[in-house]
Protein backbone atom coordinates (compact mmCIF):
# COMPACT_ATOMS: atom_id res chain seq x y z
CA MET A 1 219.35 142.91 152.09
CA GLY A 2 223.31 142.71 150.41
CA HIS A 3 224.18 145.81 148.67
CA GLU A 4 223.32 146.48 144.77
CA TRP A 5 226.62 146.98 142.86
CA ASP A 6 226.09 149.57 140.32
CA ALA A 7 226.18 147.31 137.47
CA LEU A 8 226.66 149.39 134.22
CA THR A 9 229.78 150.61 135.80
CA TYR A 10 230.30 146.63 137.12
CA ASP A 11 229.81 146.02 132.81
CA ARG A 12 232.35 148.93 131.70
CA VAL A 13 234.85 148.12 134.63
CA ALA A 14 234.79 143.93 134.48
CA LEU A 15 236.96 143.31 131.47
CA PRO A 16 239.36 141.42 134.22
CA GLN A 17 236.97 139.52 135.41
CA THR A 18 235.80 138.38 132.34
CA ARG A 19 239.19 137.94 130.58
CA TRP A 20 239.71 135.14 133.82
CA GLY A 21 236.28 134.01 132.89
CA GLY A 22 237.53 132.69 129.83
CA GLN A 23 239.99 131.53 130.57
CA VAL A 24 238.10 128.90 132.36
CA LEU A 25 235.82 128.17 129.64
CA ASP A 26 238.87 127.28 127.77
CA ARG A 27 240.40 124.95 130.16
CA LEU A 28 236.72 122.84 130.38
CA GLU A 29 236.21 120.31 127.92
CA LEU A 30 232.39 120.46 126.78
CA ALA A 31 230.31 118.43 124.42
CA GLY A 32 228.00 121.36 123.64
CA ASP A 33 225.01 119.45 125.45
CA GLU A 34 225.62 119.91 128.98
CA ALA A 35 223.12 122.22 131.44
CA VAL A 36 224.67 125.36 133.43
CA LEU A 37 224.14 127.27 135.77
CA ASP A 38 225.92 130.33 135.72
CA ALA A 39 226.02 131.62 139.53
CA GLY A 40 228.37 134.28 138.57
CA CYS A 41 228.15 138.38 139.93
CA GLY A 42 228.27 139.68 136.61
CA THR A 43 226.36 141.06 134.01
CA GLY A 44 226.96 138.26 131.27
CA ARG A 45 229.71 139.09 129.76
CA VAL A 46 230.60 135.60 130.70
CA THR A 47 227.71 133.55 130.02
CA GLU A 48 227.05 135.35 126.49
CA MET A 49 230.68 133.22 125.97
CA LEU A 50 229.50 129.79 127.54
CA LEU A 51 226.37 130.07 125.58
CA SER A 52 228.41 130.33 122.12
CA ARG A 53 229.37 126.87 123.74
CA LEU A 54 226.01 125.95 124.97
CA PRO A 55 222.33 125.71 125.07
CA ARG A 56 221.01 126.84 128.05
CA ALA A 57 222.69 128.97 130.56
CA GLY A 58 221.29 130.41 134.48
CA TRP A 59 220.95 134.09 134.45
CA SER A 60 221.89 136.00 137.90
CA ARG A 61 218.81 136.93 139.47
CA SER A 62 220.44 140.67 140.82
CA THR A 63 217.25 142.76 138.90
CA PRO A 64 220.35 145.91 137.76
CA ARG A 65 222.38 142.84 136.07
CA LEU A 66 219.24 141.08 134.92
CA ARG A 67 218.39 143.79 132.83
CA CYS A 68 222.42 144.81 131.88
CA SER A 69 222.35 140.68 131.02
CA THR A 70 219.34 141.89 128.94
CA ARG A 71 220.46 144.11 127.31
CA ARG A 72 223.65 142.73 126.17
CA ALA A 73 222.25 139.60 124.82
CA ALA A 74 219.40 141.26 122.56
CA GLY A 75 219.08 139.81 119.20
CA SER A 76 221.17 136.20 120.27
CA ALA A 77 220.00 133.45 121.04
CA ALA A 78 220.09 134.19 125.08
CA THR A 79 216.73 133.96 127.45
CA ALA A 80 217.29 135.48 130.62
CA ALA A 81 214.91 134.00 133.10
CA GLY A 82 214.12 135.93 136.56
């Protein structure tokens, strides 16, 4: 089994990755009805931005990252799938 990153620490220091992800999302021409699988390795920050533009997005299957993403998405339309 591979190394599991500390998701809370990663979330706290992931601002550069979030900015880069936002820049990539800004370049996408989306109609809003696309289905997307987010195969990233983060805690949901970029997925959260993607959710504002699309009805569905996939989540990391990493248990600690999924927990962090779920907490971030609490109260939003996001649904975490295990």
